[in-house]
C-alpha atoms as a PDB file:
ATOM      1  CA  UNK A   1      94.183 122.762  94.606  1.00  0.00           C
ATOM      2  CA  UNK A   2      97.868 123.314  94.056  1.00  0.00           C
ATOM      3  CA  UNK A   3      99.887 122.541  97.175  1.00  0.00           C
ATOM      4  CA  UNK A   4     102.544 125.224  97.495  1.00  0.00           C
ATOM      5  CA  UNK A   5     103.160 125.157 101.248  1.00  0.00           C
ATOM      6  CA  UNK A   6     106.242 122.980 100.751  1.00  0.00           C
ATOM      7  CA  UNK A   7     108.069 125.998  99.305  1.00  0.00           C
ATOM      8  CA  UNK A   8     108.785 129.441 100.752  1.00  0.00           C
ATOM      9  CA  UNK A   9     105.624 131.521 100.286  1.00  0.00           C
ATOM     10  CA  UNK A  10     107.282 134.263  98.250  1.00  0.00           C
ATOM     11  CA  UNK A  11     108.886 131.771  95.861  1.00  0.00           C
ATOM     12  CA  UNK A  12     105.632 129.816  95.453  1.00  0.00           C
ATOM     13  CA  UNK A  13     103.716 133.037  94.753  1.00  0.00           C
ATOM     14  CA  UNK A  14     106.275 134.028  92.101  1.00  0.00           C
ATOM     15  CA  UNK A  15     105.952 130.638  90.356  1.00  0.00           C
ATOM     16  CA  UNK A  16     102.132 130.736  90.399  1.00  0.00           C
ATOM     17  CA  UNK A  17     102.026 134.338  89.138  1.00  0.00           C
ATOM     18  CA  UNK A  18     104.469 133.510  86.330  1.00  0.00           C
ATOM     19  CA  UNK A  19     102.275 130.602  85.243  1.00  0.00           C
ATOM     20  CA  UNK A  20     104.999 128.079  86.011  1.00  0.00           C
ATOM     21  CA  UNK A  21     102.833 126.298  88.573  1.00  0.00           C
ATOM     22  CA  UNK A  22      99.295 125.557  87.497  1.00  0.00           C
ATOM     23  CA  UNK A  23      96.503 123.546  89.036  1.00  0.00           C
ATOM     24  CA  UNK A  24      96.643 120.748  86.482  1.00  0.00           C
ATOM     25  CA  UNK A  25      98.218 117.310  86.734  1.00  0.00           C
ATOM     26  CA  UNK A  26     100.909 116.450  84.197  1.00  0.00           C
ATOM     27  CA  UNK A  27      98.674 114.126  82.187  1.00  0.00           C
ATOM     28  CA  UNK A  28      96.302 117.054  81.577  1.00  0.00           C
ATOM     29  CA  UNK A  29      98.800 118.539  79.140  1.00  0.00           C
ATOM     30  CA  UNK A  30      98.985 115.345  77.108  1.00  0.00           C
ATOM     31  CA  UNK A  31      95.173 115.149  77.056  1.00  0.00           C
ATOM     32  CA  UNK A  32      94.925 118.790  75.968  1.00  0.00           C
ATOM     33  CA  UNK A  33      97.407 118.278  73.121  1.00  0.00           C
ATOM     34  CA  UNK A  34      95.708 115.017  72.137  1.00  0.00           C
ATOM     35  CA  UNK A  35      92.348 116.809  71.849  1.00  0.00           C
ATOM     36  CA  UNK A  36      93.654 119.917  70.088  1.00  0.00           C
ATOM     37  CA  UNK A  37      96.518 118.484  68.019  1.00  0.00           C
ATOM     38  CA  UNK A  38      96.186 114.679  67.954  1.00  0.00           C
ATOM     39  CA  UNK A  39      98.655 114.230  65.097  1.00  0.00           C
ATOM     40  CA  UNK A  40     101.355 116.466  66.589  1.00  0.00           C
ATOM     41  CA  UNK A  41     104.558 114.651  67.532  1.00  0.00           C
ATOM     42  CA  UNK A  42     104.794 113.799  71.241  1.00  0.00           C
ATOM     43  CA  UNK A  43     107.638 111.273  71.415  1.00  0.00           C
ATOM     44  CA  UNK A  44     110.453 109.867  69.352  1.00  0.00           C
ATOM     45  CA  UNK A  45     111.524 106.453  70.566  1.00  0.00           C
ATOM     46  CA  UNK A  46     114.266 104.802  68.545  1.00  0.00           C
ATOM     47  CA  UNK A  47     112.823 104.747  65.016  1.00  0.00           C
ATOM     48  CA  UNK A  48     109.196 105.307  66.089  1.00  0.00           C
ATOM     49  CA  UNK A  49     107.287 108.579  66.068  1.00  0.00           C
ATOM     50  CA  UNK A  50     104.336 108.741  68.469  1.00  0.00           C
ATOM     51  CA  UNK A  51     101.704 111.446  68.292  1.00  0.00           C
ATOM     52  CA  UNK A  52      99.862 112.961  71.245  1.00  0.00           C
ATOM     53  CA  UNK A  53      96.727 111.164  70.080  1.00  0.00           C
ATOM     54  CA  UNK A  54      98.498 107.808  70.041  1.00  0.00           C
ATOM     55  CA  UNK A  55     100.079 108.432  73.447  1.00  0.00           C
ATOM     56  CA  UNK A  56      96.766 109.442  75.027  1.00  0.00           C
ATOM     57  CA  UNK A  57      94.817 106.570  73.431  1.00  0.00           C
ATOM     58  CA  UNK A  58      97.421 104.000  74.523  1.00  0.00           C
ATOM     59  CA  UNK A  59      97.523 105.346  78.096  1.00  0.00           C
ATOM     60  CA  UNK A  60      93.718 105.294  78.318  1.00  0.00           C
ATOM     61  CA  UNK A  61      93.563 101.709  77.017  1.00  0.00           C
ATOM     62  CA  UNK A  62      96.160 100.563  79.534  1.00  0.00           C
ATOM     63  CA  UNK A  63      94.482 102.435  82.404  1.00  0.00           C
ATOM     64  CA  UNK A  64      91.133 100.855  81.482  1.00  0.00           C
ATOM     65  CA  UNK A  65      92.741  97.397  81.424  1.00  0.00           C
ATOM     66  CA  UNK A  66      94.262  97.912  84.853  1.00  0.00           C
ATOM     67  CA  UNK A  67      90.986  99.286  86.210  1.00  0.00           C
ATOM     68  CA  UNK A  68      89.112  96.192  84.989  1.00  0.00           C
ATOM     69  CA  UNK A  69      91.687  94.094  86.841  1.00  0.00           C
ATOM     70  CA  UNK A  70      90.964  95.927  90.084  1.00  0.00           C
ATOM     71  CA  UNK A  71      93.787  98.459  90.358  1.00  0.00           C
ATOM     72  CA  UNK A  72      92.662 101.638  92.119  1.00  0.00           C
ATOM     73  CA  UNK A  73      93.825 105.141  93.007  1.00  0.00           C
ATOM     74  CA  UNK A  74      96.321 105.306  95.845  1.00  0.00           C
ATOM     75  CA  UNK A  75      97.947 101.961  95.060  1.00  0.00           C
ATOM     76  CA  UNK A  76     101.598 101.848  94.013  1.00  0.00           C
ATOM     77  CA  UNK A  77     103.363 100.539  90.943  1.00  0.00           C
ATOM     78  CA  UNK A  78     107.036  99.645  90.681  1.00  0.00           C
ATOM     79  CA  UNK A  79     108.089 100.405  87.112  1.00  0.00           C
ATOM     80  CA  UNK A  80     111.331  99.155  85.598  1.00  0.00           C
ATOM     81  CA  UNK A  81     111.504 100.270  81.984  1.00  0.00           C
ATOM     82  CA  UNK A  82     114.194 102.048  80.062  1.00  0.00           C
ATOM     83  CA  UNK A  83     113.651 105.460  78.456  1.00  0.00           C
ATOM     84  CA  UNK A  84     111.226 104.319  75.766  1.00  0.00           C
ATOM     85  CA  UNK A  85     107.779 105.332  74.527  1.00  0.00           C
ATOM     86  CA  UNK A  86     106.167 102.564  76.564  1.00  0.00           C
ATOM     87  CA  UNK A  87     107.516 104.133  79.770  1.00  0.00           C
ATOM     88  CA  UNK A  88     105.490 107.276  79.077  1.00  0.00           C
ATOM     89  CA  UNK A  89     102.361 105.262  78.271  1.00  0.00           C
ATOM     90  CA  UNK A  90     102.716 103.394  81.584  1.00  0.00           C
ATOM     91  CA  UNK A  91     103.419 106.606  83.497  1.00  0.00           C
ATOM     92  CA  UNK A  92     100.365 108.369  82.066  1.00  0.00           C
ATOM     93  CA  UNK A  93      98.164 105.317  82.674  1.00  0.00           C
ATOM     94  CA  UNK A  94      99.265 105.368  86.317  1.00  0.00           C
ATOM     95  CA  UNK A  95      98.479 109.066  86.622  1.00  0.00           C
ATOM     96  CA  UNK A  96      95.083 108.592  84.965  1.00  0.00           C
ATOM     97  CA  UNK A  97      94.079 106.000  87.568  1.00  0.00           C
ATOM     98  CA  UNK A  98      95.750 107.769  90.473  1.00  0.00           C
ATOM     99  CA  UNK A  99      98.265 104.954  90.881  1.00  0.00           C
ATOM    100  CA  UNK A 100     101.518 106.141  92.423  1.00  0.00           C
ATOM    101  CA  UNK A 101     104.365 105.224  90.055  1.00  0.00           C
ATOM    102  CA  UNK A 102     107.821 104.530  91.471  1.00  0.00           C
ATOM    103  CA  UNK A 103     110.430 104.225  88.744  1.00  0.00           C
ATOM    104  CA  UNK A 104     113.381 101.914  89.202  1.00  0.00           C
ATOM    105  CA  UNK A 105     116.429 102.283  87.032  1.00  0.00           C
ATOM    106  CA  UNK A 106     116.535  99.840  84.147  1.00  0.00           C
ATOM    107  CA  UNK A 107     119.740  98.300  85.493  1.00  0.00           C
ATOM    108  CA  UNK A 108     118.575  97.844  89.079  1.00  0.00           C
ATOM    109  CA  UNK A 109     118.933  94.276  90.227  1.00  0.00           C
ATOM    110  CA  UNK A 110     117.055  92.053  92.630  1.00  0.00           C
ATOM    111  CA  UNK A 111     118.503  93.703  95.762  1.00  0.00           C
ATOM    112  CA  UNK A 112     117.444  97.209  94.724  1.00  0.00           C
ATOM    113  CA  UNK A 113     114.019  96.108  93.481  1.00  0.00           C
ATOM    114  CA  UNK A 114     113.376  94.150  96.665  1.00  0.00           C
ATOM    115  CA  UNK A 115     114.333  97.176  98.786  1.00  0.00           C
ATOM    116  CA  UNK A 116     111.919  99.375  96.799  1.00  0.00           C
ATOM    117  CA  UNK A 117     109.158  96.788  97.020  1.00  0.00           C
ATOM    118  CA  UNK A 118     109.529  96.316 100.764  1.00  0.00           C
ATOM    119  CA  UNK A 119     109.096 100.069 101.239  1.00  0.00           C
ATOM    120  CA  UNK A 120     106.299 100.848  98.778  1.00  0.00           C
ATOM    121  CA  UNK A 121     104.489  97.479  98.761  1.00  0.00           C
ATOM    122  CA  UNK A 122     103.501  97.732  95.084  1.00  0.00           C
ATOM    123  CA  UNK A 123     100.243  96.349  93.811  1.00  0.00           C
ATOM    124  CA  UNK A 124     101.710  96.356  90.321  1.00  0.00           C
ATOM    125  CA  UNK A 125     105.149  95.716  88.897  1.00  0.00           C
ATOM    126  CA  UNK A 126     105.743  96.783  85.288  1.00  0.00           C
ATOM    127  CA  UNK A 127     108.773  95.327  83.562  1.00  0.00           C
ATOM    128  CA  UNK A 128     110.197  95.074  80.085  1.00  0.00           C
ATOM    129  CA  UNK A 129     110.498  91.713  78.383  1.00  0.00           C
ATOM    130  CA  UNK A 130     113.715  92.751  76.648  1.00  0.00           C
ATOM    131  CA  UNK A 131     115.514  92.395  79.982  1.00  0.00           C
ATOM    132  CA  UNK A 132     117.219  89.141  80.801  1.00  0.00           C
ATOM    133  CA  UNK A 133     114.206  86.953  81.433  1.00  0.00           C
ATOM    134  CA  UNK A 134     116.262  84.174  82.945  1.00  0.00           C
ATOM    135  CA  UNK A 135     116.511  86.359  86.087  1.00  0.00           C
ATOM    136  CA  UNK A 136     112.737  86.628  86.442  1.00  0.00           C
ATOM    137  CA  UNK A 137     111.987  83.412  88.330  1.00  0.00           C
ATOM    138  CA  UNK A 138     114.054  84.250  91.408  1.00  0.00           C
ATOM    139  CA  UNK A 139     113.384  87.968  91.137  1.00  0.00           C
ATOM    140  CA  UNK A 140     109.578  87.766  91.015  1.00  0.00           C
ATOM    141  CA  UNK A 141     109.335  85.283  93.847  1.00  0.00           C
ATOM    142  CA  UNK A 142     111.353  87.549  96.138  1.00  0.00           C
ATOM    143  CA  UNK A 143     109.560  90.806  95.319  1.00  0.00           C
ATOM    144  CA  UNK A 144     106.072  91.219  96.791  1.00  0.00           C
ATOM    145  CA  UNK A 145     103.482  92.381  94.285  1.00  0.00           C
ATOM    146  CA  UNK A 146      99.945  91.511  93.356  1.00  0.00           C
ATOM    147  CA  UNK A 147      99.924  92.082  89.609  1.00  0.00           C
ATOM    148  CA  UNK A 148     102.550  92.010  86.935  1.00  0.00           C
ATOM    149  CA  UNK A 149     102.439  93.720  83.561  1.00  0.00           C
ATOM    150  CA  UNK A 150     105.061  92.710  81.040  1.00  0.00           C
ATOM    151  CA  UNK A 151     105.647  95.315  78.365  1.00  0.00           C
ATOM    152  CA  UNK A 152     106.503  93.762  75.033  1.00  0.00           C
ATOM    153  CA  UNK A 153     108.804  95.820  72.837  1.00  0.00           C
ATOM    154  CA  UNK A 154     110.799  93.149  71.078  1.00  0.00           C
ATOM    155  CA  UNK A 155     110.126  89.461  70.650  1.00  0.00           C
ATOM    156  CA  UNK A 156     107.392  88.145  72.921  1.00  0.00           C
ATOM    157  CA  UNK A 157     108.614  86.739  76.197  1.00  0.00           C
ATOM    158  CA  UNK A 158     108.814  82.963  76.326  1.00  0.00           C
ATOM    159  CA  UNK A 159     105.392  81.705  77.398  1.00  0.00           C
ATOM    160  CA  UNK A 160     106.871  79.219  79.867  1.00  0.00           C
ATOM    161  CA  UNK A 161     108.528  82.049  81.819  1.00  0.00           C
ATOM    162  CA  UNK A 162     105.465  84.292  81.833  1.00  0.00           C
ATOM    163  CA  UNK A 163     103.077  81.502  82.772  1.00  0.00           C
ATOM    164  CA  UNK A 164     105.095  80.732  85.911  1.00  0.00           C
ATOM    165  CA  UNK A 165     104.782  84.316  87.159  1.00  0.00           C
ATOM    166  CA  UNK A 166     101.252  85.447  86.479  1.00  0.00           C
ATOM    167  CA  UNK A 167      99.730  87.088  89.523  1.00  0.00           C
ATOM    168  CA  UNK A 168      96.291  88.176  88.370  1.00  0.00           C
ATOM    169  CA  UNK A 169      97.530  90.312  85.498  1.00  0.00           C
ATOM    170  CA  UNK A 170     100.301  89.509  83.087  1.00  0.00           C
ATOM    171  CA  UNK A 171      99.952  91.041  79.676  1.00  0.00           C
ATOM    172  CA  UNK A 172     102.588  90.411  77.075  1.00  0.00           C
ATOM    173  CA  UNK A 173     101.410  92.813  74.422  1.00  0.00           C
ATOM    174  CA  UNK A 174     102.620  95.938  72.698  1.00  0.00           C
ATOM    175  CA  UNK A 175     101.307  99.172  74.185  1.00  0.00           C
ATOM    176  CA  UNK A 176     101.686 101.216  71.011  1.00  0.00           C
END
């Protein structure tokens, strides 16, 4: 059921009547487009064109991977990715499993990430391996999390860095 009690009743009624608020989660619209128009363009990320079918399939694969690892609805994920196609795959995978995504800006440092983590106590931290990986050792040890997922968009992260920071789940693989 759509929760509208956070808004003035008249305004909420207007939005519902106009069809602006519907009783579907955001990932429903991607699923619907993926089923009806799987080859239709969903995202352009740098020089890549991603269809709704590709986006949905990638999000489902990632969600299934996380579910096999024990992630469940109601848990939180701290996500630090830039505005790329992989961000939307991660976001939809979170929504599919009912994981609560909290997005950190790509340029947030250890202090900001630690403050987020202390408040939300994430089960999962998703980061991009194109960031400066030399900062990972001190950063990961100071930020509480149970699992880590490294999103690979460029060259694979150095194995010696990733192997030091695996906490149940560390996947260095392309999502698309």
